[in-house]
Amino acid sequence: MVQVFGAIDLERARPHAAVADVVPLACGSWVGRPDLQHAFFEGYGRPLTAREQWALRCLCVLDAVSAISWGVPNGDDEIVARGQATLARLEVQAA
């Protein structure tokens, strides 16, 4: 007999653009790993449109600011550093 167990984390569930689901990858797993980003979009079947790329940048900024604003008062230096690194990376990319 096979038992299947699954859990869905609905903490951040909300109506939003599909590109919002890519934010954790763009701010995390893909950093320094263009091969992972390439593999993702190969499986996705298409690159992001210009509008989706712009939305992703904006959503990454929001994610970074959210991480910093939560991490500082909660003493989570790792989250703060991740947010700061994301902002620095986006600033370099914009230059």
Protein backbone atom coordinates (compact mmCIF):
# COMPACT_ATOMS: atom_id res chain seq x y z
CA MET A 1 0.00 0.00 0.00
CA VAL A 2 1.34 3.40 -0.97
CA GLN A 3 0.59 6.38 1.20
CA VAL A 4 0.93 9.84 -0.22
CA PHE A 5 1.34 12.86 1.98
CA GLY A 6 1.55 16.39 0.75
CA ALA A 7 1.63 19.79 2.31
CA ILE A 8 0.89 23.08 0.69
CA ASP A 9 2.32 26.20 2.28
CA LEU A 10 -0.28 28.91 1.77
CA GLU A 11 1.48 31.54 3.91
CA ARG A 12 2.14 33.77 0.91
CA ALA A 13 -0.71 32.60 -1.31
CA ARG A 14 -2.36 35.46 -3.16
CA PRO A 15 -3.37 36.43 -6.65
CA HIS A 16 -0.28 37.74 -8.42
CA ALA A 17 1.67 37.63 -11.64
CA ALA A 18 3.12 34.23 -12.52
CA VAL A 19 6.60 35.78 -12.58
CA ALA A 20 6.30 36.32 -8.81
CA ASP A 21 6.86 32.57 -8.40
CA VAL A 22 10.33 33.04 -9.92
CA VAL A 23 11.47 35.57 -7.28
CA PRO A 24 12.79 33.00 -4.75
CA LEU A 25 14.87 31.44 -7.53
CA ALA A 26 16.17 34.75 -8.86
CA CYS A 27 17.09 35.91 -5.34
CA GLY A 28 18.40 32.55 -4.20
CA SER A 29 19.23 29.43 -6.19
CA TRP A 30 20.15 31.24 -9.40
CA VAL A 31 22.67 33.61 -7.78
CA GLY A 32 26.01 32.70 -9.31
CA ARG A 33 24.41 29.76 -11.15
CA PRO A 34 23.38 30.87 -14.65
CA ASP A 35 23.23 27.19 -15.57
CA LEU A 36 20.27 26.70 -13.22
CA GLN A 37 18.49 29.73 -14.64
CA HIS A 38 19.08 28.47 -18.17
CA ALA A 39 17.80 25.00 -17.27
CA PHE A 40 14.68 26.47 -15.66
CA PHE A 41 13.74 28.52 -18.70
CA GLU A 42 14.54 25.65 -21.02
CA GLY A 43 11.99 23.59 -19.11
CA TYR A 44 9.60 26.54 -18.89
CA GLY A 45 9.61 26.66 -22.67
CA ARG A 46 10.34 30.33 -23.21
CA PRO A 47 12.33 33.24 -21.83
CA LEU A 48 10.61 36.00 -19.89
CA THR A 49 9.18 38.84 -21.91
CA ALA A 50 10.60 42.34 -21.41
CA ARG A 51 7.62 43.20 -19.20
CA GLU A 52 8.11 40.04 -17.13
CA GLN A 53 11.82 40.81 -16.74
CA TRP A 54 10.97 44.30 -15.50
CA ALA A 55 8.34 42.90 -13.12
CA LEU A 56 10.84 40.33 -11.82
CA ARG A 57 13.39 43.07 -11.05
CA CYS A 58 10.73 45.09 -9.21
CA LEU A 59 9.53 42.05 -7.27
CA CYS A 60 13.11 41.16 -6.34
CA VAL A 61 13.55 44.68 -4.93
CA LEU A 62 10.37 44.25 -2.88
CA ASP A 63 11.57 40.85 -1.66
CA ALA A 64 14.93 42.31 -0.64
CA VAL A 65 13.40 45.25 1.21
CA SER A 66 10.95 42.91 2.91
CA ALA A 67 13.81 40.64 4.00
CA ILE A 68 15.77 43.56 5.44
CA SER A 69 12.75 45.11 7.17
CA TRP A 70 11.91 41.77 8.79
CA GLY A 71 15.46 40.65 9.49
CA VAL A 72 16.70 43.76 11.30
CA PRO A 73 14.12 43.88 14.12
CA ASN A 74 14.17 40.09 14.42
CA GLY A 75 17.96 39.84 14.59
CA ASP A 76 18.22 37.58 11.53
CA ASP A 77 21.55 38.64 10.05
CA GLU A 78 21.39 35.98 7.33
CA ILE A 79 18.09 37.31 5.97
CA VAL A 80 19.37 40.90 6.17
CA ALA A 81 22.54 39.93 4.28
CA ARG A 82 20.48 38.17 1.59
CA GLY A 83 18.34 41.26 1.11
CA GLN A 84 21.36 43.54 0.97
CA ALA A 85 23.11 41.25 -1.51
CA THR A 86 20.02 41.23 -3.74
CA LEU A 87 19.86 45.03 -3.76
CA ALA A 88 23.58 45.29 -4.51
CA ARG A 89 23.30 42.76 -7.34
CA LEU A 90 20.33 44.59 -8.88
CA GLU A 91 22.17 47.91 -8.61
CA VAL A 92 25.16 46.50 -10.50
CA GLN A 93 22.89 45.00 -13.17
CA ALA A 94 21.16 48.36 -13.63
CA ALA A 95 24.43 50.23 -14.19
